[in-house]
Amino acid sequence: MLSKYWHTLRYLKPSQLYERLWFRLYRPRLKQIKNISVRQPISQFIQTAKRQKSLLGPTTFSLLNKIGDVEKLGWQDAQRDNLWRYNQHYFDDLNAIDNQTRSKWHAKLIDRWIEDNPGYSGIGWEPYPTSLRVVNWIKCFFGGFQPSQHHEASLATQANWLSHRLEYHLLGNHLLANAKALYFAGCYFKGRYAAKWLKSARNILKAQISEQILKDGGHFELSPMYHALVLEDLLDLINIAKAYGHTSDVKDWQIYIPQMLLWLKGMSHPDHKIAFFNDSAFGIAPDNSELIDYAERLGFRSANEEIGSRDFDSSGYIRAVNSKAVLICDVAKIGPDYLPGHAHADTLSFELSLYEQRIFVNSGTSVYGVSDERLRQRGTNAHNTVVIDEKNSSEVWSGFRVARRAYPRQLKVDLNDKEKLIEYSHDGYRRLKGKHTHQRRWLLKNNSLEITDTIHGEHQNAVAYFHLHPDISVFKSENDKVVLKLTTKIEVSLEVEGGQLLVKDSTWHPEFGKALNNKCIQISFLKPSIKTTINF
């Protein structure tokens, strides 16, 4: 355990250690803001991207596939886990699909939240849910909801509290969300408080956006889900900056959007939904179509640009396509060394669609927090890659921690018109007694995908995992061959050289709180190298 702590802490920035201590010990004493003026925008605030509705009744939430009523559960106690509670305090439904039909519920729920959460303690006042709630309330106010003075006073108080609880100890998407909320509040209100929030937000955004958005457009935490959330953040910031005439801010931020849109589409399947690498699931960020339409409303006309094969070399993903296949390969680091909280041990994993249907899928994310299931979903054997001696390629542990981690090395990439060749290795298993290296070669041809896995170094056992989408039926025809049947009745064969093939039960987690039964093909190495061929 000491080794895990050391190899976790040594990657952190010194400022994170100081900021964590400060965050725990410092408790600002702030008065509630009772009188503050609102600034009128100079142009229209454009309709934002919408999520699915999460309010089923005046006090009944459907969040993360679990239903709960405020009347019975309240806002704080442990009858629901922290993530469910976080979502309860976000108020996403204020701007969800058909939100106008629930406006009376929304008004009463806002009043209830203010009454039940009077000041600065509890989950609802933690910085991240406060950030999302501040933005959602302001978006709602722009969308036709008529706030009372009481609502706006509470909103200003929340923003002021947030300005003293910024998450510098976490950084990443959390700090970006904090700054976004302060920017929204700084635009919406006027006066000395608003000026202070706006200045603080600009300083943070200037530093963080340029660091967090990589040259290829990807978000540096390397999760398609969080990338979509950060894309929404930037679109929202551009939206409100335009509404209040902050043209210099718009100019600074709009340059990132075209590449971010391309990255989102490049990391998505033909069903126009994201692939599952690192912490990723459906239903958290708005759908791709919502984000693309939102970008177009803001004037980004390249939003519908088609994307073919592409090497996202800054973030470490490769998309290879032909007329039948879409292959997405993870040849990335786990993320920023100082911020691995949303990382999985999925180095050299991949996802594959054939004939516009998902075939091989990583197992997804259905839980956060500290649990055996969380560890399993982050582990290497929940992904389409190789496990050596039953160890993870990166030492994921606790809910959001990583100790020693895998670093990939490019051997060859050739994305020509006829064939796509991708070859990488990683050193995540060098920490084991055999000093192993895993090398993987993908060769995408017109009618087949060949995957060659080679283990360098002595090992007791090694297993390659291939997780099938729940809609795929699998029939074992021979010891080294299976037939996969798509929903369209098309059949695809998978055969193995140098390994022993087994088909086992598994689960796929497309959303938080959801598990779907699927099958997993496990191939045990009989030789140092195995070749898996998928014929289509």
Protein backbone atom coordinates (compact mmCIF):
# COMPACT_ATOMS: atom_id res chain seq x y z
CA MET A 1 0.00 0.00 0.00
CA LEU A 2 2.87 2.40 0.71
CA SER A 3 4.14 1.75 -2.80
CA LYS A 4 0.74 2.63 -4.26
CA TYR A 5 0.62 5.87 -2.29
CA TRP A 6 4.13 6.80 -3.36
CA HIS A 7 3.57 6.06 -7.03
CA THR A 8 0.29 8.00 -6.88
CA LEU A 9 1.49 11.08 -5.02
CA ARG A 10 4.78 11.49 -6.87
CA TYR A 11 2.98 12.53 -10.05
CA LEU A 12 0.96 15.31 -8.42
CA LYS A 13 1.86 18.95 -8.75
CA PRO A 14 3.17 20.38 -5.44
CA SER A 15 0.40 22.98 -5.64
CA GLN A 16 -2.20 20.20 -5.53
CA LEU A 17 -0.91 18.99 -2.18
CA TYR A 18 -0.94 22.48 -0.72
CA GLU A 19 -4.34 23.29 -2.22
CA ARG A 20 -5.84 20.06 -0.87
CA LEU A 21 -4.72 20.95 2.65
CA TRP A 22 -5.99 24.52 2.25
CA PHE A 23 -9.33 23.31 0.87
CA ARG A 24 -9.91 21.06 3.87
CA LEU A 25 -8.91 23.54 6.54
CA TYR A 26 -10.15 26.87 5.18
CA ARG A 27 -13.81 27.74 5.70
CA PRO A 28 -14.70 31.26 4.55
CA ARG A 29 -17.20 33.24 6.60
CA LEU A 30 -19.45 34.92 4.11
CA LYS A 31 -22.65 36.86 4.44
CA GLN A 32 -25.56 36.08 2.18
CA ILE A 33 -26.05 38.53 -0.65
CA LYS A 34 -29.49 40.10 -0.40
CA ASN A 35 -29.40 42.90 -2.96
CA ILE A 36 -27.65 42.66 -6.29
CA SER A 37 -28.52 44.07 -9.70
CA VAL A 38 -28.91 42.13 -12.92
CA ARG A 39 -27.18 43.17 -16.14
CA GLN A 40 -29.22 43.07 -19.34
CA PRO A 41 -27.64 41.25 -22.31
CA ILE A 42 -27.14 43.20 -25.51
CA SER A 43 -28.08 40.30 -27.79
CA GLN A 44 -29.99 37.03 -27.61
CA PHE A 45 -28.72 34.06 -25.62
CA ILE A 46 -29.01 31.13 -28.04
CA GLN A 47 -30.83 27.91 -27.13
CA THR A 48 -28.33 25.51 -25.60
CA ALA A 49 -27.88 21.75 -25.99
CA LYS A 50 -30.57 19.76 -24.20
CA ARG A 51 -30.43 16.58 -22.15
CA GLN A 52 -33.16 14.03 -21.54
CA LYS A 53 -35.63 15.04 -18.85
CA SER A 54 -34.84 13.89 -15.33
CA LEU A 55 -37.85 15.24 -13.39
CA LEU A 56 -40.78 12.81 -13.47
CA GLY A 57 -43.01 14.73 -11.07
CA PRO A 58 -42.93 17.89 -8.95
CA THR A 59 -40.42 16.28 -6.54
CA THR A 60 -39.46 13.02 -8.27
CA PHE A 61 -36.09 12.61 -9.97
CA SER A 62 -34.91 9.91 -12.37
CA LEU A 63 -31.13 10.10 -12.16
CA LEU A 64 -28.51 7.54 -13.19
CA ASN A 65 -31.32 5.01 -13.76
CA LYS A 66 -32.56 5.33 -10.18
CA ILE A 67 -35.76 7.08 -9.14
CA GLY A 68 -36.05 9.09 -5.93
CA ASP A 69 -38.46 11.58 -4.39
CA VAL A 70 -37.30 14.62 -2.43
CA GLU A 71 -40.28 14.14 -0.11
CA LYS A 72 -38.84 10.80 1.02
CA LEU A 73 -35.10 11.12 0.38
CA GLY A 74 -34.41 14.81 1.01
CA TRP A 75 -31.22 16.30 -0.39
CA GLN A 76 -28.44 14.92 1.79
CA ASP A 77 -28.70 11.56 3.54
CA ALA A 78 -27.01 8.31 2.58
CA GLN A 79 -30.07 6.62 1.05
CA ARG A 80 -28.43 7.52 -2.28
CA ASP A 81 -24.74 7.59 -3.17
CA ASN A 82 -22.85 10.85 -3.62
CA LEU A 83 -23.01 10.80 -7.42
CA TRP A 84 -26.80 10.53 -7.40
CA ARG A 85 -26.91 13.37 -4.89
CA TYR A 86 -24.58 15.46 -7.04
CA ASN A 87 -26.93 15.05 -9.98
CA GLN A 88 -29.91 15.92 -7.81
CA HIS A 89 -28.27 19.28 -7.01
CA TYR A 90 -27.30 20.05 -10.63
CA PHE A 91 -30.85 21.01 -11.76
CA ASP A 92 -30.19 19.70 -15.28
CA ASP A 93 -33.92 19.33 -15.90
CA LEU A 94 -34.35 23.11 -15.97
CA ASN A 95 -32.92 23.06 -19.51
CA ALA A 96 -33.83 19.54 -20.63
CA ILE A 97 -36.09 18.48 -23.48
CA ASP A 98 -39.63 19.97 -23.14
CA ASN A 99 -38.53 21.92 -20.05
CA GLN A 100 -41.26 24.52 -20.57
CA THR A 101 -43.93 21.94 -19.74
CA ARG A 102 -42.40 21.55 -16.27
CA SER A 103 -41.77 25.22 -15.46
CA LYS A 104 -44.18 25.23 -12.48
CA TRP A 105 -42.38 22.23 -11.01
CA HIS A 106 -39.07 23.97 -11.59
CA ALA A 107 -40.15 27.13 -9.76
CA LYS A 108 -41.27 25.17 -6.71
CA LEU A 109 -38.17 23.00 -6.77
CA ILE A 110 -35.87 26.04 -6.83
CA ASP A 111 -37.79 27.50 -3.88
CA ARG A 112 -37.53 24.19 -2.05
CA TRP A 113 -33.79 23.90 -2.68
CA ILE A 114 -33.20 27.39 -1.26
CA GLU A 115 -35.29 26.59 1.82
CA ASP A 116 -33.79 23.14 2.44
CA ASN A 117 -30.15 24.09 1.76
CA PRO A 118 -29.74 27.35 3.70
CA GLY A 119 -26.03 27.75 3.80
CA TYR A 120 -22.59 26.48 2.88
CA SER A 121 -22.76 22.87 4.09
CA GLY A 122 -23.81 19.57 2.59
CA ILE A 123 -23.35 17.99 -0.81
CA GLY A 124 -25.27 20.72 -2.60
CA TRP A 125 -22.73 23.33 -1.58
CA GLU A 126 -19.70 21.39 -2.79
CA PRO A 127 -17.98 23.31 -5.61
CA TYR A 128 -18.80 21.04 -8.54
CA PRO A 129 -22.58 20.75 -8.04
CA THR A 130 -22.66 24.44 -7.15
CA SER A 131 -20.93 25.24 -10.43
CA LEU A 132 -23.36 23.24 -12.54
CA ARG A 133 -26.39 24.56 -10.66
CA VAL A 134 -25.33 28.21 -11.07
CA VAL A 135 -25.03 27.70 -14.83
CA ASN A 136 -28.30 25.79 -15.10
CA TRP A 137 -30.25 28.44 -13.17
CA ILE A 138 -28.88 31.23 -15.37
CA LYS A 139 -29.58 29.28 -18.56
CA CYS A 140 -33.11 28.72 -17.31
CA PHE A 141 -33.55 32.43 -16.54
CA PHE A 142 -32.47 33.22 -20.11
CA GLY A 143 -34.95 30.65 -21.44
CA GLY A 144 -38.10 32.44 -20.28
CA PHE A 145 -38.28 31.51 -16.60
CA GLN A 146 -39.06 34.60 -14.53
CA PRO A 147 -36.82 34.53 -11.43
CA SER A 148 -37.80 36.30 -8.25
CA GLN A 149 -35.48 38.54 -6.25
CA HIS A 150 -35.22 35.66 -3.81
CA HIS A 151 -33.97 33.35 -6.57
CA GLU A 152 -31.39 35.84 -7.80
CA ALA A 153 -30.16 36.61 -4.28
CA SER A 154 -29.60 32.89 -3.68
CA LEU A 155 -27.85 32.56 -7.04
CA ALA A 156 -25.48 35.43 -6.21
CA THR A 157 -24.77 33.93 -2.78
CA GLN A 158 -23.93 30.58 -4.38
CA ALA A 159 -21.58 32.25 -6.87
CA ASN A 160 -19.85 34.19 -4.12
CA TRP A 161 -19.36 31.03 -2.06
CA LEU A 162 -17.99 29.23 -5.10
CA SER A 163 -15.46 32.03 -5.70
CA HIS A 164 -13.90 31.08 -2.34
CA ARG A 165 -14.02 27.29 -2.93
CA LEU A 166 -12.33 26.84 -6.30
CA GLU A 167 -11.02 23.33 -6.89
CA TYR A 168 -7.35 24.05 -7.51
CA HIS A 169 -6.52 20.80 -5.70
CA LEU A 170 -8.33 18.81 -8.41
CA LEU A 171 -7.78 21.00 -11.48
CA GLY A 172 -9.01 19.57 -14.81
CA ASN A 173 -12.68 19.63 -15.73
CA HIS A 174 -13.69 20.56 -12.15
CA LEU A 175 -11.75 23.82 -12.14
CA LEU A 176 -13.00 24.57 -15.65
CA ALA A 177 -16.60 24.10 -14.45
CA ASN A 178 -15.92 26.41 -11.48
CA ALA A 179 -14.59 29.14 -13.77
CA LYS A 180 -17.49 28.74 -16.20
CA ALA A 181 -19.98 29.28 -13.38
CA LEU A 182 -18.17 32.41 -12.20
CA TYR A 183 -18.12 33.72 -15.77
CA PHE A 184 -21.86 33.15 -16.11
CA ALA A 185 -22.54 34.88 -12.78
CA GLY A 186 -20.13 37.70 -13.62
CA CYS A 187 -22.02 38.34 -16.87
CA TYR A 188 -25.51 37.95 -15.40
CA PHE A 189 -25.03 40.31 -12.46
CA LYS A 190 -23.41 43.73 -12.20
CA GLY A 191 -21.51 45.48 -9.44
CA ARG A 192 -18.33 44.77 -7.51
CA TYR A 193 -19.09 41.10 -6.83
CA ALA A 194 -19.77 40.41 -10.50
CA ALA A 195 -16.62 42.24 -11.60
CA LYS A 196 -14.57 40.13 -9.21
CA TRP A 197 -16.13 36.87 -10.43
CA LEU A 198 -15.61 37.79 -14.06
CA LYS A 199 -11.95 38.68 -13.51
CA SER A 200 -11.28 35.45 -11.62
CA ALA A 201 -13.05 33.38 -14.28
CA ARG A 202 -11.09 34.96 -17.13
CA ASN A 203 -7.76 34.30 -15.42
CA ILE A 204 -8.60 30.64 -14.85
CA LEU A 205 -10.05 30.09 -18.30
CA LYS A 206 -7.08 31.67 -20.02
CA ALA A 207 -4.70 29.25 -18.33
CA GLN A 208 -6.87 26.13 -18.28
CA ILE A 209 -8.41 26.09 -21.75
CA SER A 210 -5.04 26.32 -23.49
CA GLU A 211 -3.71 23.49 -21.32
CA GLN A 212 -6.76 21.24 -21.32
CA ILE A 213 -7.59 21.36 -25.04
CA LEU A 214 -4.89 19.53 -26.98
CA LYS A 215 -3.67 20.42 -30.46
CA ASP A 216 -5.83 17.73 -32.08
CA GLY A 217 -8.93 19.06 -30.30
CA GLY A 218 -9.20 16.40 -27.60
CA HIS A 219 -9.67 17.15 -23.92
CA PHE A 220 -6.57 16.19 -21.96
CA GLU A 221 -8.35 13.79 -19.57
CA LEU A 222 -8.83 11.57 -22.66
CA SER A 223 -12.42 10.54 -21.95
CA PRO A 224 -14.90 11.01 -24.82
CA MET A 225 -17.62 11.70 -22.24
CA TYR A 226 -15.70 14.46 -20.49
CA HIS A 227 -14.60 15.82 -23.84
CA ALA A 228 -18.27 16.24 -24.77
CA LEU A 229 -18.93 17.98 -21.44
CA VAL A 230 -16.03 20.38 -21.94
CA LEU A 231 -17.13 21.05 -25.53
CA GLU A 232 -20.54 22.01 -24.12
CA ASP A 233 -18.78 24.25 -21.59
CA LEU A 234 -16.94 26.16 -24.30
CA LEU A 235 -20.05 26.51 -26.44
CA ASP A 236 -21.93 27.86 -23.42
CA LEU A 237 -19.14 30.32 -22.65
CA ILE A 238 -19.10 31.57 -26.23
CA ASN A 239 -22.89 31.87 -26.13
CA ILE A 240 -23.02 34.07 -23.02
CA ALA A 241 -19.93 36.06 -24.05
CA LYS A 242 -21.69 36.94 -27.32
CA ALA A 243 -24.87 37.87 -25.46
CA TYR A 244 -22.97 40.37 -23.29
CA GLY A 245 -20.68 41.71 -26.00
CA HIS A 246 -17.41 40.21 -24.72
CA THR A 247 -15.97 39.89 -28.22
CA SER A 248 -12.38 39.36 -27.16
CA ASP A 249 -13.39 36.33 -25.10
CA VAL A 250 -15.35 34.93 -28.04
CA LYS A 251 -12.33 35.38 -30.28
CA ASP A 252 -10.07 33.55 -27.81
CA TRP A 253 -12.40 30.56 -27.37
CA GLN A 254 -13.98 29.99 -30.77
CA ILE A 255 -10.71 28.79 -32.32
CA TYR A 256 -10.96 25.54 -30.33
CA ILE A 257 -14.44 24.51 -31.42
CA PRO A 258 -13.89 23.10 -34.97
CA GLN A 259 -11.15 20.71 -33.83
CA MET A 260 -13.12 19.71 -30.74
CA LEU A 261 -16.10 18.83 -32.93
CA LEU A 262 -13.89 16.74 -35.21
CA TRP A 263 -12.39 14.92 -32.22
CA LEU A 264 -15.86 14.17 -30.84
CA LYS A 265 -16.96 12.68 -34.16
CA GLY A 266 -13.68 10.84 -34.57
CA MET A 267 -14.19 9.19 -31.19
CA SER A 268 -17.73 8.12 -32.02
CA HIS A 269 -19.24 5.13 -33.80
CA PRO A 270 -21.52 5.17 -36.85
CA ASP A 271 -24.47 5.34 -34.42
CA HIS A 272 -23.21 8.88 -33.66
CA LYS A 273 -22.52 8.08 -30.01
CA ILE A 274 -19.21 8.11 -28.17
CA ALA A 275 -16.80 5.21 -27.78
CA PHE A 276 -16.00 4.02 -24.25
CA PHE A 277 -12.45 4.82 -23.27
CA ASN A 278 -11.60 5.82 -19.70
CA ASP A 279 -14.67 7.01 -17.76
CA SER A 280 -17.35 7.15 -20.44
CA ALA A 281 -21.08 6.45 -20.58
CA PHE A 282 -24.16 7.67 -22.39
CA GLY A 283 -26.61 10.06 -20.75
CA ILE A 284 -24.17 12.34 -18.91
CA ALA A 285 -23.15 14.76 -21.66
CA PRO A 286 -25.68 15.88 -24.27
CA ASP A 287 -25.94 13.64 -27.33
CA ASN A 288 -23.53 14.38 -30.18
CA SER A 289 -26.42 15.59 -32.34
CA GLU A 290 -27.38 18.15 -29.68
CA LEU A 291 -23.84 19.48 -29.46
CA ILE A 292 -23.42 19.67 -33.23
CA ASP A 293 -26.75 21.48 -33.67
CA TYR A 294 -25.83 23.85 -30.84
CA ALA A 295 -22.49 24.63 -32.50
CA GLU A 296 -24.27 25.37 -35.76
CA ARG A 297 -26.68 27.76 -34.01
CA LEU A 298 -23.60 29.61 -32.77
CA GLY A 299 -22.24 29.87 -36.30
CA PHE A 300 -19.79 26.96 -36.55
CA ARG A 301 -20.64 25.78 -40.04
CA SER A 302 -18.02 23.01 -40.09
CA ALA A 303 -19.95 21.11 -37.45
CA ASN A 304 -21.24 18.52 -39.96
CA GLU A 305 -17.88 17.92 -41.62
CA GLU A 306 -17.33 14.24 -42.38
CA ILE A 307 -14.37 12.47 -40.84
CA GLY A 308 -12.50 9.45 -42.16
CA SER A 309 -9.32 7.84 -40.87
CA ARG A 310 -7.39 10.12 -38.56
CA ASP A 311 -4.44 9.98 -36.19
CA PHE A 312 -5.24 12.08 -33.12
CA ASP A 313 -1.59 12.12 -32.21
CA SER A 314 -1.77 14.73 -29.42
CA SER A 315 -4.33 12.77 -27.43
CA GLY A 316 -3.26 9.29 -28.50
CA TYR A 317 -6.22 7.78 -30.32
CA ILE A 318 -6.39 6.53 -33.90
CA ARG A 319 -9.50 6.14 -36.03
CA ALA A 320 -9.21 3.82 -39.03
CA VAL A 321 -12.14 3.35 -41.40
CA ASN A 322 -13.08 1.66 -44.65
CA SER A 323 -16.40 0.97 -46.36
CA LYS A 324 -17.41 -1.64 -43.76
CA ALA A 325 -15.46 -0.91 -40.59
CA VAL A 326 -14.80 1.80 -38.04
CA LEU A 327 -11.87 0.95 -35.76
CA ILE A 328 -10.92 3.22 -32.83
CA CYS A 329 -7.61 2.38 -31.10
CA ASP A 330 -6.40 3.57 -27.72
CA VAL A 331 -2.66 4.22 -28.01
CA ALA A 332 -2.76 6.99 -25.40
CA LYS A 333 -1.32 7.66 -22.00
CA ILE A 334 -3.90 7.32 -19.23
CA GLY A 335 -4.24 11.13 -19.19
CA PRO A 336 -2.34 13.95 -17.50
CA ASP A 337 0.08 12.43 -15.00
CA TYR A 338 -1.17 14.74 -12.25
CA LEU A 339 -4.84 14.05 -12.99
CA PRO A 340 -5.60 10.34 -13.60
CA GLY A 341 -8.91 10.20 -11.72
CA HIS A 342 -11.01 9.25 -14.76
CA ALA A 343 -8.43 6.87 -16.25
CA HIS A 344 -8.91 3.17 -16.89
CA ALA A 345 -6.18 0.57 -17.38
CA ASP A 346 -7.14 0.32 -21.06
CA THR A 347 -3.88 0.92 -22.93
CA LEU A 348 -3.90 -0.64 -26.44
CA SER A 349 -7.61 -1.41 -26.23
CA PHE A 350 -9.94 -0.76 -29.16
CA GLU A 351 -13.57 -0.61 -30.25
CA LEU A 352 -14.93 -1.82 -33.60
CA SER A 353 -18.10 -1.23 -35.59
CA LEU A 354 -18.94 -3.27 -38.69
CA TYR A 355 -21.74 -2.45 -41.10
CA GLU A 356 -22.63 0.51 -38.82
CA GLN A 357 -23.19 -1.75 -35.80
CA ARG A 358 -21.00 -1.90 -32.69
CA ILE A 359 -19.22 -5.25 -32.44
CA PHE A 360 -16.41 -4.98 -29.87
CA VAL A 361 -16.93 -2.58 -26.99
CA ASN A 362 -15.06 -1.68 -23.84
CA SER A 363 -17.18 -2.33 -20.78
CA GLY A 364 -18.17 1.26 -19.98
CA THR A 365 -18.80 2.99 -16.66
CA SER A 366 -21.81 2.55 -14.38
CA VAL A 367 -20.47 3.52 -10.94
CA TYR A 368 -18.12 5.98 -9.27
CA GLY A 369 -16.87 5.94 -5.70
CA VAL A 370 -14.90 3.20 -3.95
CA SER A 371 -16.15 -0.32 -4.66
CA ASP A 372 -15.07 -3.63 -6.13
CA GLU A 373 -17.28 -2.98 -9.16
CA ARG A 374 -15.64 0.39 -9.78
CA LEU A 375 -12.22 -1.29 -9.69
CA ARG A 376 -13.38 -4.05 -12.04
CA GLN A 377 -14.72 -1.58 -14.59
CA ARG A 378 -11.45 0.36 -14.52
CA GLY A 379 -9.39 -2.83 -14.80
CA THR A 380 -7.64 -4.09 -17.91
CA ASN A 381 -9.82 -7.20 -18.28
CA ALA A 382 -12.92 -4.99 -18.73
CA HIS A 383 -11.37 -3.71 -21.98
CA ASN A 384 -10.38 -5.13 -25.35
CA THR A 385 -6.71 -5.63 -24.62
CA VAL A 386 -4.25 -8.04 -22.98
CA VAL A 387 -3.86 -8.93 -19.30
CA ILE A 388 -0.57 -10.44 -18.14
CA ASP A 389 -0.37 -12.54 -14.97
CA GLU A 390 -3.79 -11.25 -13.88
CA LYS A 391 -2.47 -7.70 -13.34
CA ASN A 392 -3.73 -4.39 -14.65
CA SER A 393 -1.58 -2.58 -17.19
CA SER A 394 -1.82 0.54 -15.01
CA GLU A 395 -2.27 0.29 -11.25
CA VAL A 396 -5.79 1.66 -10.87
CA TRP A 397 -6.95 1.62 -7.27
CA SER A 398 -9.47 3.20 -4.92
CA GLY A 399 -12.14 5.07 -6.88
CA PHE A 400 -10.05 7.58 -8.83
CA ARG A 401 -6.39 6.81 -8.24
CA VAL A 402 -3.57 5.38 -10.33
CA ALA A 403 -0.09 4.41 -9.11
CA ARG A 404 2.35 3.02 -11.69
CA ARG A 405 0.98 3.52 -15.17
CA ALA A 406 1.53 2.33 -18.74
CA TYR A 407 3.23 4.52 -21.32
CA PRO A 408 2.71 3.63 -25.00
CA ARG A 409 5.36 3.77 -27.72
CA GLN A 410 4.59 4.14 -31.41
CA LEU A 411 6.19 1.57 -33.68
CA LYS A 412 4.38 2.23 -36.95
CA VAL A 413 1.24 3.98 -38.26
CA ASP A 414 0.15 3.91 -41.91
CA LEU A 415 -3.41 4.97 -42.77
CA ASN A 416 -3.29 4.60 -46.55
CA ASP A 417 -6.30 4.02 -48.79
CA LYS A 418 -5.87 0.25 -49.14
CA GLU A 419 -4.85 -0.90 -45.66
CA LYS A 420 -4.54 0.69 -42.25
CA LEU A 421 -1.61 -0.45 -40.12
CA ILE A 422 -1.25 0.59 -36.47
CA GLU A 423 1.48 -0.86 -34.28
CA TYR A 424 2.28 0.17 -30.70
CA SER A 425 3.74 -1.28 -27.53
CA HIS A 426 3.44 -0.27 -23.87
CA ASP A 427 5.58 -0.72 -20.77
CA GLY A 428 2.85 -1.07 -18.14
CA TYR A 429 3.91 -4.62 -17.29
CA ARG A 430 7.61 -3.82 -16.96
CA ARG A 431 7.01 -3.58 -13.20
CA LEU A 432 6.31 -7.34 -13.08
CA LYS A 433 8.97 -9.96 -12.47
CA GLY A 434 9.24 -10.85 -16.15
CA LYS A 435 9.72 -7.20 -17.25
CA HIS A 436 7.04 -7.76 -19.88
CA THR A 437 6.17 -5.56 -22.83
CA HIS A 438 2.89 -5.89 -24.70
CA GLN A 439 3.06 -5.16 -28.41
CA ARG A 440 -0.10 -4.94 -30.54
CA ARG A 441 -0.51 -4.67 -34.31
CA TRP A 442 -3.83 -3.85 -35.98
CA LEU A 443 -4.06 -4.40 -39.75
CA LEU A 444 -7.39 -3.27 -41.20
CA LYS A 445 -8.03 -4.62 -44.72
CA ASN A 446 -11.09 -4.36 -46.95
CA ASN A 447 -12.66 -7.54 -45.56
CA SER A 448 -10.77 -8.30 -42.37
CA LEU A 449 -9.09 -6.97 -39.26
CA GLU A 450 -5.95 -8.78 -38.08
CA ILE A 451 -4.83 -8.17 -34.50
CA THR A 452 -1.43 -9.54 -33.55
CA ASP A 453 -0.46 -9.47 -29.88
CA THR A 454 3.08 -10.25 -28.77
CA ILE A 455 4.37 -10.57 -25.21
CA HIS A 456 8.07 -9.91 -24.68
CA GLY A 457 9.37 -11.40 -21.41
CA GLU A 458 8.57 -14.57 -19.48
CA HIS A 459 5.08 -14.82 -18.01
CA GLN A 460 2.87 -17.38 -16.31
CA ASN A 461 -0.24 -16.51 -18.27
CA ALA A 462 -1.56 -13.88 -20.64
CA VAL A 463 -5.11 -13.41 -21.90
CA ALA A 464 -6.52 -11.19 -24.64
CA TYR A 465 -10.07 -9.97 -23.99
CA PHE A 466 -12.63 -9.13 -26.69
CA HIS A 467 -15.94 -7.85 -25.29
CA LEU A 468 -18.95 -8.09 -27.59
CA HIS A 469 -21.83 -5.65 -27.76
CA PRO A 470 -24.98 -7.19 -26.17
CA ASP A 471 -26.73 -7.25 -29.57
CA ILE A 472 -24.12 -9.60 -31.02
CA SER A 473 -24.80 -13.34 -30.87
CA VAL A 474 -21.83 -15.66 -30.73
CA PHE A 475 -21.65 -19.28 -31.90
CA LYS A 476 -18.57 -21.39 -31.31
CA SER A 477 -17.85 -23.51 -34.36
CA GLU A 478 -14.34 -24.84 -33.59
CA ASN A 479 -11.78 -24.63 -30.77
CA ASP A 480 -10.06 -21.68 -32.42
CA LYS A 481 -12.99 -20.08 -34.25
CA VAL A 482 -16.37 -18.45 -33.51
CA VAL A 483 -19.11 -16.95 -35.65
CA LEU A 484 -20.65 -13.61 -34.68
CA LYS A 485 -24.15 -12.76 -35.87
CA LEU A 486 -25.24 -9.13 -36.16
CA THR A 487 -28.82 -7.95 -35.73
CA THR A 488 -28.99 -7.62 -39.52
CA LYS A 489 -28.25 -11.39 -39.75
CA ILE A 490 -24.83 -10.67 -41.26
CA GLU A 491 -22.26 -13.17 -40.00
CA VAL A 492 -18.68 -12.34 -39.05
CA SER A 493 -16.04 -14.92 -38.16
CA LEU A 494 -13.26 -14.67 -35.60
CA GLU A 495 -10.39 -17.12 -35.62
CA VAL A 496 -7.21 -17.41 -33.58
CA GLU A 497 -3.67 -18.62 -34.19
CA GLY A 498 -1.43 -19.37 -31.20
CA GLY A 499 -4.11 -19.18 -28.54
CA GLN A 500 -6.97 -21.03 -26.86
CA LEU A 501 -10.39 -19.43 -27.25
CA LEU A 502 -13.19 -19.39 -24.66
CA VAL A 503 -16.53 -17.53 -24.63
CA LYS A 504 -17.70 -16.32 -21.23
CA ASP A 505 -20.52 -14.23 -19.78
CA SER A 506 -19.85 -10.59 -19.01
CA THR A 507 -21.66 -7.26 -18.65
CA TRP A 508 -21.67 -3.99 -20.58
CA HIS A 509 -22.39 -0.67 -18.88
CA PRO A 510 -23.64 1.94 -21.36
CA GLU A 511 -25.06 4.22 -18.65
CA PHE A 512 -24.57 4.87 -14.97
CA GLY A 513 -26.67 2.46 -12.97
CA LYS A 514 -27.12 0.05 -15.89
CA ALA A 515 -25.67 -3.38 -16.65
CA LEU A 516 -26.49 -5.38 -19.79
CA ASN A 517 -25.52 -9.02 -20.29
CA ASN A 518 -23.02 -9.65 -23.07
CA LYS A 519 -20.37 -12.15 -24.09
CA CYS A 520 -16.60 -11.88 -23.81
CA ILE A 521 -14.16 -13.84 -25.96
CA GLN A 522 -11.05 -14.70 -23.95
CA ILE A 523 -7.95 -15.94 -25.74
CA SER A 524 -5.19 -17.51 -23.64
CA PHE A 525 -1.68 -17.30 -25.10
CA LEU A 526 -0.19 -20.67 -26.01
CA LYS A 527 2.78 -18.97 -27.66
CA PRO A 528 4.48 -15.57 -27.13
CA SER A 529 2.40 -14.22 -30.00
CA ILE A 530 -1.23 -14.73 -31.02
CA LYS A 531 -3.05 -13.56 -34.13
CA THR A 532 -6.77 -12.85 -34.04
CA THR A 533 -8.46 -12.41 -37.43
CA ILE A 534 -11.96 -10.96 -37.80
CA ASN A 535 -13.33 -11.68 -41.26
CA PHE A 536 -16.23 -9.62 -42.57
